[in-house]
Amino acid sequence: MAKKPGTNPKGEFAFFDVVYEDGSQRSNRRVPAELLGGLQKDEPARGFIIEQDREIAEKSGRAPLAIKSIARVGAKPEKMMKVK
């Protein structure tokens, strides 16, 4: 059964825009907020998104794309994380 609008807890997820090496972009990738913060801030989001990409690639039978950069939705451009 569907939930009523507004019943999901606010702040449960943080959203990230991901830019891949081939120039494609995926917007609003969800990362659990409980993984973020502390000394590492948004750094754990990269690992979570990479793991999501691996699972998606495995199910689709395609190789995962290399990530160029990750930025939290609404963050200023200088806050963009470059993937090493």
PDB file of N, CA and C in Angstrom:
ATOM      1  N   MET A   1       0.847  -1.174   0.000  1.00  0.00           N
ATOM      2  CA  MET A   1       0.000   0.000   0.000  1.00  0.00           C
ATOM      3  C   MET A   1       0.894   1.240   0.000  1.00  0.00           C
ATOM      4  N   ALA A   2       0.484   2.238  -0.713  1.00  0.00           N
ATOM      5  CA  ALA A   2       1.263   3.471  -0.816  1.00  0.00           C
ATOM      6  C   ALA A   2       1.209   4.270   0.483  1.00  0.00           C
ATOM      7  N   LYS A   3       2.300   4.968   0.739  1.00  0.00           N
ATOM      8  CA  LYS A   3       2.348   5.823   1.923  1.00  0.00           C
ATOM      9  C   LYS A   3       1.672   7.150   1.641  1.00  0.00           C
ATOM     10  N   LYS A   4       1.211   7.782   2.682  1.00  0.00           N
ATOM     11  CA  LYS A   4       0.645   9.117   2.544  1.00  0.00           C
ATOM     12  C   LYS A   4       1.776  10.101   2.285  1.00  0.00           C
ATOM     13  N   PRO A   5       1.518  11.133   1.487  1.00  0.00           N
ATOM     14  CA  PRO A   5       2.558  12.135   1.251  1.00  0.00           C
ATOM     15  C   PRO A   5       3.026  12.762   2.567  1.00  0.00           C
ATOM     16  N   GLY A   6       4.334  12.972   2.652  1.00  0.00           N
ATOM     17  CA  GLY A   6       4.882  13.622   3.827  1.00  0.00           C
ATOM     18  C   GLY A   6       5.175  12.688   4.988  1.00  0.00           C
ATOM     19  N   THR A   7       5.027  11.373   4.794  1.00  0.00           N
ATOM     20  CA  THR A   7       5.282  10.453   5.895  1.00  0.00           C
ATOM     21  C   THR A   7       6.731   9.982   5.947  1.00  0.00           C
ATOM     22  N   ASN A   8       7.522  10.256   4.908  1.00  0.00           N
ATOM     23  CA  ASN A   8       8.935   9.894   4.949  1.00  0.00           C
ATOM     24  C   ASN A   8       9.690  10.912   5.793  1.00  0.00           C
ATOM     25  N   PRO A   9      10.572  10.454   6.655  1.00  0.00           N
ATOM     26  CA  PRO A   9      11.335  11.382   7.492  1.00  0.00           C
ATOM     27  C   PRO A   9      12.208  12.306   6.647  1.00  0.00           C
ATOM     28  N   LYS A  10      12.228  13.567   6.994  1.00  0.00           N
ATOM     29  CA  LYS A  10      13.068  14.539   6.293  1.00  0.00           C
ATOM     30  C   LYS A  10      14.520  14.305   6.674  1.00  0.00           C
ATOM     31  N   GLY A  11      15.410  14.499   5.727  1.00  0.00           N
ATOM     32  CA  GLY A  11      16.828  14.354   6.001  1.00  0.00           C
ATOM     33  C   GLY A  11      17.316  12.916   6.035  1.00  0.00           C
ATOM     34  N   GLU A  12      16.493  11.983   5.576  1.00  0.00           N
ATOM     35  CA  GLU A  12      16.883  10.581   5.575  1.00  0.00           C
ATOM     36  C   GLU A  12      17.969  10.327   4.533  1.00  0.00           C
ATOM     37  N   PHE A  13      17.929  11.066   3.435  1.00  0.00           N
ATOM     38  CA  PHE A  13      18.892  10.915   2.359  1.00  0.00           C
ATOM     39  C   PHE A  13      19.501  12.261   1.989  1.00  0.00           C
ATOM     40  N   ALA A  14      20.740  12.216   1.504  1.00  0.00           N
ATOM     41  CA  ALA A  14      21.371  13.378   0.877  1.00  0.00           C
ATOM     42  C   ALA A  14      21.441  13.051  -0.608  1.00  0.00           C
ATOM     43  N   PHE A  15      21.331  14.054  -1.447  1.00  0.00           N
ATOM     44  CA  PHE A  15      21.315  13.843  -2.886  1.00  0.00           C
ATOM     45  C   PHE A  15      22.584  14.391  -3.516  1.00  0.00           C
ATOM     46  N   PHE A  16      23.109  13.650  -4.492  1.00  0.00           N
ATOM     47  CA  PHE A  16      24.361  14.016  -5.149  1.00  0.00           C
ATOM     48  C   PHE A  16      24.202  13.952  -6.659  1.00  0.00           C
ATOM     49  N   ASP A  17      24.882  14.882  -7.350  1.00  0.00           N
ATOM     50  CA  ASP A  17      25.002  14.835  -8.807  1.00  0.00           C
ATOM     51  C   ASP A  17      26.331  14.163  -9.115  1.00  0.00           C
ATOM     52  N   VAL A  18      26.309  13.206 -10.028  1.00  0.00           N
ATOM     53  CA  VAL A  18      27.510  12.461 -10.389  1.00  0.00           C
ATOM     54  C   VAL A  18      27.810  12.706 -11.862  1.00  0.00           C
ATOM     55  N   VAL A  19      29.056  13.102 -12.162  1.00  0.00           N
ATOM     56  CA  VAL A  19      29.504  13.283 -13.538  1.00  0.00           C
ATOM     57  C   VAL A  19      30.500  12.165 -13.829  1.00  0.00           C
ATOM     58  N   TYR A  20      30.288  11.480 -14.956  1.00  0.00           N
ATOM     59  CA  TYR A  20      31.140  10.355 -15.332  1.00  0.00           C
ATOM     60  C   TYR A  20      32.187  10.786 -16.357  1.00  0.00           C
ATOM     61  N   GLU A  21      33.242   9.975 -16.503  1.00  0.00           N
ATOM     62  CA  GLU A  21      34.343  10.270 -17.422  1.00  0.00           C
ATOM     63  C   GLU A  21      33.876  10.443 -18.864  1.00  0.00           C
ATOM     64  N   ASP A  22      32.806   9.763 -19.260  1.00  0.00           N
ATOM     65  CA  ASP A  22      32.316   9.877 -20.638  1.00  0.00           C
ATOM     66  C   ASP A  22      31.477  11.135 -20.859  1.00  0.00           C
ATOM     67  N   GLY A  23      31.315  11.956 -19.806  1.00  0.00           N
ATOM     68  CA  GLY A  23      30.571  13.206 -19.916  1.00  0.00           C
ATOM     69  C   GLY A  23      29.114  13.105 -19.498  1.00  0.00           C
ATOM     70  N   SER A  24      28.624  11.909 -19.255  1.00  0.00           N
ATOM     71  CA  SER A  24      27.235  11.758 -18.834  1.00  0.00           C
ATOM     72  C   SER A  24      27.091  12.156 -17.370  1.00  0.00           C
ATOM     73  N   GLN A  25      25.858  12.472 -16.980  1.00  0.00           N
ATOM     74  CA  GLN A  25      25.590  12.909 -15.612  1.00  0.00           C
ATOM     75  C   GLN A  25      24.341  12.232 -15.094  1.00  0.00           C
ATOM     76  N   ARG A  26      24.372  11.861 -13.833  1.00  0.00           N
ATOM     77  CA  ARG A  26      23.196  11.338 -13.132  1.00  0.00           C
ATOM     78  C   ARG A  26      22.916  12.287 -11.984  1.00  0.00           C
ATOM     79  N   SER A  27      21.711  12.760 -11.918  1.00  0.00           N
ATOM     80  CA  SER A  27      21.337  13.722 -10.886  1.00  0.00           C
ATOM     81  C   SER A  27      20.559  13.047  -9.770  1.00  0.00           C
ATOM     82  N   ASN A  28      20.655  13.652  -8.597  1.00  0.00           N
ATOM     83  CA  ASN A  28      19.874  13.243  -7.426  1.00  0.00           C
ATOM     84  C   ASN A  28      20.084  11.789  -7.025  1.00  0.00           C
ATOM     85  N   ARG A  29      21.332  11.351  -7.011  1.00  0.00           N
ATOM     86  CA  ARG A  29      21.640  10.016  -6.497  1.00  0.00           C
ATOM     87  C   ARG A  29      21.492  10.066  -4.984  1.00  0.00           C
ATOM     88  N   ARG A  30      20.718   9.144  -4.426  1.00  0.00           N
ATOM     89  CA  ARG A  30      20.427   9.149  -2.995  1.00  0.00           C
ATOM     90  C   ARG A  30      21.504   8.403  -2.213  1.00  0.00           C
ATOM     91  N   VAL A  31      21.942   9.026  -1.126  1.00  0.00           N
ATOM     92  CA  VAL A  31      22.910   8.433  -0.207  1.00  0.00           C
ATOM     93  C   VAL A  31      22.332   8.593   1.194  1.00  0.00           C
ATOM     94  N   PRO A  32      22.298   7.528   1.993  1.00  0.00           N
ATOM     95  CA  PRO A  32      21.765   7.652   3.358  1.00  0.00           C
ATOM     96  C   PRO A  32      22.527   8.713   4.152  1.00  0.00           C
ATOM     97  N   ALA A  33      21.802   9.603   4.777  1.00  0.00           N
ATOM     98  CA  ALA A  33      22.405  10.705   5.534  1.00  0.00           C
ATOM     99  C   ALA A  33      23.243  10.199   6.699  1.00  0.00           C
ATOM    100  N   GLU A  34      22.924   9.024   7.213  1.00  0.00           N
ATOM    101  CA  GLU A  34      23.667   8.487   8.347  1.00  0.00           C
ATOM    102  C   GLU A  34      25.125   8.155   8.000  1.00  0.00           C
ATOM    103  N   LEU A  35      25.436   8.010   6.703  1.00  0.00           N
ATOM    104  CA  LEU A  35      26.814   7.746   6.285  1.00  0.00           C
ATOM    105  C   LEU A  35      27.661   9.009   6.236  1.00  0.00           C
ATOM    106  N   LEU A  36      27.010  10.153   6.187  1.00  0.00           N
ATOM    107  CA  LEU A  36      27.705  11.416   5.964  1.00  0.00           C
ATOM    108  C   LEU A  36      27.931  12.168   7.265  1.00  0.00           C
ATOM    109  N   GLY A  37      28.809  13.155   7.192  1.00  0.00           N
ATOM    110  CA  GLY A  37      29.084  13.984   8.356  1.00  0.00           C
ATOM    111  C   GLY A  37      30.349  13.533   9.057  1.00  0.00           C
ATOM    112  N   GLY A  38      30.548  14.023  10.233  1.00  0.00           N
ATOM    113  CA  GLY A  38      31.749  13.685  10.989  1.00  0.00           C
ATOM    114  C   GLY A  38      32.981  14.276  10.329  1.00  0.00           C
ATOM    115  N   LEU A  39      34.115  13.675  10.570  1.00  0.00           N
ATOM    116  CA  LEU A  39      35.371  14.184  10.026  1.00  0.00           C
ATOM    117  C   LEU A  39      35.475  14.006   8.517  1.00  0.00           C
ATOM    118  N   GLN A  40      34.830  12.968   7.986  1.00  0.00           N
ATOM    119  CA  GLN A  40      34.921  12.695   6.558  1.00  0.00           C
ATOM    120  C   GLN A  40      33.903  13.474   5.728  1.00  0.00           C
ATOM    121  N   LYS A  41      32.941  14.101   6.359  1.00  0.00           N
ATOM    122  CA  LYS A  41      31.883  14.874   5.710  1.00  0.00           C
ATOM    123  C   LYS A  41      31.213  14.067   4.606  1.00  0.00           C
ATOM    124  N   ASP A  42      31.337  14.486   3.314  1.00  0.00           N
ATOM    125  CA  ASP A  42      30.659  13.811   2.206  1.00  0.00           C
ATOM    126  C   ASP A  42      31.506  12.722   1.544  1.00  0.00           C
ATOM    127  N   GLU A  43      32.703  12.486   2.006  1.00  0.00           N
ATOM    128  CA  GLU A  43      33.597  11.508   1.380  1.00  0.00           C
ATOM    129  C   GLU A  43      32.994  10.099   1.301  1.00  0.00           C
ATOM    130  N   PRO A  44      32.275   9.601   2.318  1.00  0.00           N
ATOM    131  CA  PRO A  44      31.683   8.260   2.211  1.00  0.00           C
ATOM    132  C   PRO A  44      30.659   8.129   1.080  1.00  0.00           C
ATOM    133  N   ALA A  45      30.126   9.242   0.598  1.00  0.00           N
ATOM    134  CA  ALA A  45      29.152   9.188  -0.500  1.00  0.00           C
ATOM    135  C   ALA A  45      29.782   8.593  -1.753  1.00  0.00           C
ATOM    136  N   ARG A  46      31.056   8.897  -1.994  1.00  0.00           N
ATOM    137  CA  ARG A  46      31.743   8.389  -3.183  1.00  0.00           C
ATOM    138  C   ARG A  46      31.754   6.863  -3.174  1.00  0.00           C
ATOM    139  N   GLY A  47      32.148   6.263  -2.066  1.00  0.00           N
ATOM    140  CA  GLY A  47      32.178   4.805  -1.966  1.00  0.00           C
ATOM    141  C   GLY A  47      30.803   4.180  -2.105  1.00  0.00           C
ATOM    142  N   PHE A  48      29.796   4.826  -1.513  1.00  0.00           N
ATOM    143  CA  PHE A  48      28.432   4.317  -1.595  1.00  0.00           C
ATOM    144  C   PHE A  48      27.939   4.344  -3.042  1.00  0.00           C
ATOM    145  N   ILE A  49      28.207   5.442  -3.755  1.00  0.00           N
ATOM    146  CA  ILE A  49      27.760   5.573  -5.145  1.00  0.00           C
ATOM    147  C   ILE A  49      28.526   4.609  -6.050  1.00  0.00           C
ATOM    148  N   ILE A  50      29.817   4.427  -5.809  1.00  0.00           N
ATOM    149  CA  ILE A  50      30.598   3.465  -6.593  1.00  0.00           C
ATOM    150  C   ILE A  50      30.023   2.064  -6.419  1.00  0.00           C
ATOM    151  N   GLU A  51      29.670   1.707  -5.200  1.00  0.00           N
ATOM    152  CA  GLU A  51      29.079   0.393  -4.948  1.00  0.00           C
ATOM    153  C   GLU A  51      27.719   0.261  -5.638  1.00  0.00           C
ATOM    154  N   GLN A  52      26.904   1.311  -5.603  1.00  0.00           N
ATOM    155  CA  GLN A  52      25.620   1.295  -6.325  1.00  0.00           C
ATOM    156  C   GLN A  52      25.855   1.060  -7.810  1.00  0.00           C
ATOM    157  N   ASP A  53      26.854   1.775  -8.386  1.00  0.00           N
ATOM    158  CA  ASP A  53      27.163   1.628  -9.812  1.00  0.00           C
ATOM    159  C   ASP A  53      27.593   0.201 -10.147  1.00  0.00           C
ATOM    160  N   ARG A  54      28.375  -0.424  -9.258  1.00  0.00           N
ATOM    161  CA  ARG A  54      28.799  -1.812  -9.486  1.00  0.00           C
ATOM    162  C   ARG A  54      27.597  -2.754  -9.530  1.00  0.00           C
ATOM    163  N   GLU A  55      26.680  -2.570  -8.585  1.00  0.00           N
ATOM    164  CA  GLU A  55      25.488  -3.415  -8.541  1.00  0.00           C
ATOM    165  C   GLU A  55      24.628  -3.217  -9.788  1.00  0.00           C
ATOM    166  N   ILE A  56      24.457  -1.972 -10.202  1.00  0.00           N
ATOM    167  CA  ILE A  56      23.661  -1.676 -11.396  1.00  0.00           C
ATOM    168  C   ILE A  56      24.321  -2.275 -12.624  1.00  0.00           C
ATOM    169  N   ALA A  57      25.639  -2.126 -12.741  1.00  0.00           N
ATOM    170  CA  ALA A  57      26.372  -2.659 -13.886  1.00  0.00           C
ATOM    171  C   ALA A  57      26.279  -4.185 -13.931  1.00  0.00           C
ATOM    172  N   GLU A  58      26.357  -4.826 -12.770  1.00  0.00           N
ATOM    173  CA  GLU A  58      26.267  -6.282 -12.707  1.00  0.00           C
ATOM    174  C   GLU A  58      24.908  -6.764 -13.194  1.00  0.00           C
ATOM    175  N   LYS A  59      23.859  -6.087 -12.767  1.00  0.00           N
ATOM    176  CA  LYS A  59      22.512  -6.474 -13.166  1.00  0.00           C
ATOM    177  C   LYS A  59      22.252  -6.217 -14.643  1.00  0.00           C
ATOM    178  N   SER A  60      22.853  -5.149 -15.185  1.00  0.00           N
ATOM    179  CA  SER A  60      22.610  -4.802 -16.586  1.00  0.00           C
ATOM    180  C   SER A  60      23.568  -5.507 -17.541  1.00  0.00           C
ATOM    181  N   GLY A  61      24.644  -6.096 -16.999  1.00  0.00           N
ATOM    182  CA  GLY A  61      25.610  -6.782 -17.847  1.00  0.00           C
ATOM    183  C   GLY A  61      26.586  -5.840 -18.541  1.00  0.00           C
ATOM    184  N   ARG A  62      26.668  -4.609 -18.067  1.00  0.00           N
ATOM    185  CA  ARG A  62      27.583  -3.621 -18.639  1.00  0.00           C
ATOM    186  C   ARG A  62      28.661  -3.270 -17.622  1.00  0.00           C
ATOM    187  N   ALA A  63      29.771  -2.735 -18.121  1.00  0.00           N
ATOM    188  CA  ALA A  63      30.841  -2.302 -17.222  1.00  0.00           C
ATOM    189  C   ALA A  63      30.432  -0.994 -16.548  1.00  0.00           C
ATOM    190  N   PRO A  64      30.802  -0.814 -15.275  1.00  0.00           N
ATOM    191  CA  PRO A  64      30.468   0.451 -14.596  1.00  0.00           C
ATOM    192  C   PRO A  64      31.288   1.598 -15.186  1.00  0.00           C
ATOM    193  N   LEU A  65      30.692   2.771 -15.238  1.00  0.00           N
ATOM    194  CA  LEU A  65      31.382   3.951 -15.744  1.00  0.00           C
ATOM    195  C   LEU A  65      32.296   4.522 -14.670  1.00  0.00           C
ATOM    196  N   ALA A  66      33.420   5.096 -15.098  1.00  0.00           N
ATOM    197  CA  ALA A  66      34.340   5.742 -14.161  1.00  0.00           C
ATOM    198  C   ALA A  66      33.761   7.100 -13.769  1.00  0.00           C
ATOM    199  N   ILE A  67      33.789   7.412 -12.482  1.00  0.00           N
ATOM    200  CA  ILE A  67      33.251   8.666 -11.977  1.00  0.00           C
ATOM    201  C   ILE A  67      34.312   9.751 -12.055  1.00  0.00           C
ATOM    202  N   LYS A  68      33.909  10.895 -12.617  1.00  0.00           N
ATOM    203  CA  LYS A  68      34.810  12.040 -12.714  1.00  0.00           C
ATOM    204  C   LYS A  68      34.687  12.930 -11.478  1.00  0.00           C
ATOM    205  N   SER A  69      33.450  13.256 -11.086  1.00  0.00           N
ATOM    206  CA  SER A  69      33.246  14.098  -9.914  1.00  0.00           C
ATOM    207  C   SER A  69      31.874  13.842  -9.300  1.00  0.00           C
ATOM    208  N   ILE A  70      31.789  14.191  -8.021  1.00  0.00           N
ATOM    209  CA  ILE A  70      30.551  14.046  -7.260  1.00  0.00           C
ATOM    210  C   ILE A  70      30.324  15.350  -6.516  1.00  0.00           C
ATOM    211  N   ALA A  71      29.091  15.875  -6.572  1.00  0.00           N
ATOM    212  CA  ALA A  71      28.775  17.112  -5.855  1.00  0.00           C
ATOM    213  C   ALA A  71      27.417  16.960  -5.186  1.00  0.00           C
ATOM    214  N   ARG A  72      27.332  17.418  -3.954  1.00  0.00           N
ATOM    215  CA  ARG A  72      26.049  17.392  -3.252  1.00  0.00           C
ATOM    216  C   ARG A  72      25.108  18.363  -3.947  1.00  0.00           C
ATOM    217  N   VAL A  73      23.863  17.960  -4.126  1.00  0.00           N
ATOM    218  CA  VAL A  73      22.873  18.827  -4.764  1.00  0.00           C
ATOM    219  C   VAL A  73      22.718  20.079  -3.913  1.00  0.00           C
ATOM    220  N   GLY A  74      22.833  21.234  -4.538  1.00  0.00           N
ATOM    221  CA  GLY A  74      22.705  22.507  -3.852  1.00  0.00           C
ATOM    222  C   GLY A  74      24.014  23.041  -3.302  1.00  0.00           C
ATOM    223  N   ALA A  75      25.108  22.270  -3.395  1.00  0.00           N
ATOM    224  CA  ALA A  75      26.412  22.735  -2.891  1.00  0.00           C
ATOM    225  C   ALA A  75      27.048  23.672  -3.912  1.00  0.00           C
ATOM    226  N   LYS A  76      27.908  24.538  -3.431  1.00  0.00           N
ATOM    227  CA  LYS A  76      28.622  25.442  -4.321  1.00  0.00           C
ATOM    228  C   LYS A  76      29.639  24.656  -5.138  1.00  0.00           C
ATOM    229  N   PRO A  77      29.946  25.078  -6.371  1.00  0.00           N
ATOM    230  CA  PRO A  77      30.857  24.330  -7.252  1.00  0.00           C
ATOM    231  C   PRO A  77      32.220  24.037  -6.641  1.00  0.00           C
ATOM    232  N   GLU A  78      32.769  24.895  -5.796  1.00  0.00           N
ATOM    233  CA  GLU A  78      34.088  24.623  -5.220  1.00  0.00           C
ATOM    234  C   GLU A  78      34.050  23.471  -4.218  1.00  0.00           C
ATOM    235  N   LYS A  79      32.858  23.054  -3.809  1.00  0.00           N
ATOM    236  CA  LYS A  79      32.709  21.937  -2.873  1.00  0.00           C
ATOM    237  C   LYS A  79      32.656  20.588  -3.597  1.00  0.00           C
ATOM    238  N   MET A  80      32.816  20.590  -4.917  1.00  0.00           N
ATOM    239  CA  MET A  80      32.734  19.373  -5.703  1.00  0.00           C
ATOM    240  C   MET A  80      33.899  18.444  -5.352  1.00  0.00           C
ATOM    241  N   MET A  81      33.619  17.161  -5.178  1.00  0.00           N
ATOM    242  CA  MET A  81      34.659  16.198  -4.855  1.00  0.00           C
ATOM    243  C   MET A  81      35.185  15.582  -6.135  1.00  0.00           C
ATOM    244  N   LYS A  82      36.479  15.676  -6.349  1.00  0.00           N
ATOM    245  CA  LYS A  82      37.111  15.013  -7.478  1.00  0.00           C
ATOM    246  C   LYS A  82      37.414  13.585  -7.065  1.00  0.00           C
ATOM    247  N   VAL A  83      37.147  12.660  -7.961  1.00  0.00           N
ATOM    248  CA  VAL A  83      37.411  11.259  -7.679  1.00  0.00           C
ATOM    249  C   VAL A  83      38.821  10.936  -8.135  1.00  0.00           C
ATOM    250  N   LYS A  84      39.550  10.263  -7.267  1.00  0.00           N
ATOM    251  CA  LYS A  84      40.956   9.946  -7.565  1.00  0.00           C
ATOM    252  C   LYS A  84      41.075   8.619  -8.241  1.00  0.00           C
TER     253      LYS A  84
END
